[in-house]
């Protein structure tokens, strides 16, 4: 007698819509490969923001139409929300409150939104495989670019609080990136 182990049907997530998933994949491609650096005409369009907004709106619309909750409170989601709450509570005590608020709004909230979309859109094994293969393929141009920059001598080096990149000197403020 053999016993097959299966996950209970209640734990298998519904696949969800294809539009939010593929918009999220397009956002990932834009975020990692940054086509606006190669084609400057795309920079004023803010394509990453447009595609991310389209993914978010498509997801919200799909959840609204199917009468599903916007956020499924899993252990990971609760931990991210607790970390977000901790960050907000600690803003007044930070070394640089203005920089901390800017970092929270400009960087961390975007990361939370991408996590929210990923955790709700990548909910089947084929989608997880698609994401893994896409990230692997997107890493190739980044790796080739790194090798070419190293071979040509164009690299970033730190110099007494300044960053030298491609011949230009930029000020590096470590307190601007801390909460």
Foldseek 3Di string as FASTA:
>chain_A
DDDDDDDDPVPQDDQFDPLLLVLLLVLVLCVLVVCCVVVVVCVVVPVSVVSLVRSVVVLVVRCVVVVHDLFDDDVVLVVLVVVLVVLVVCLVVAPDNVLSVCCCVVPVVVVNSSVSSCVRNCRDPVSVVVVVVSVVVSVVVVVVVVVVCVVVVFDWDDDPQWIAGPNDIHGHDPSSNDD
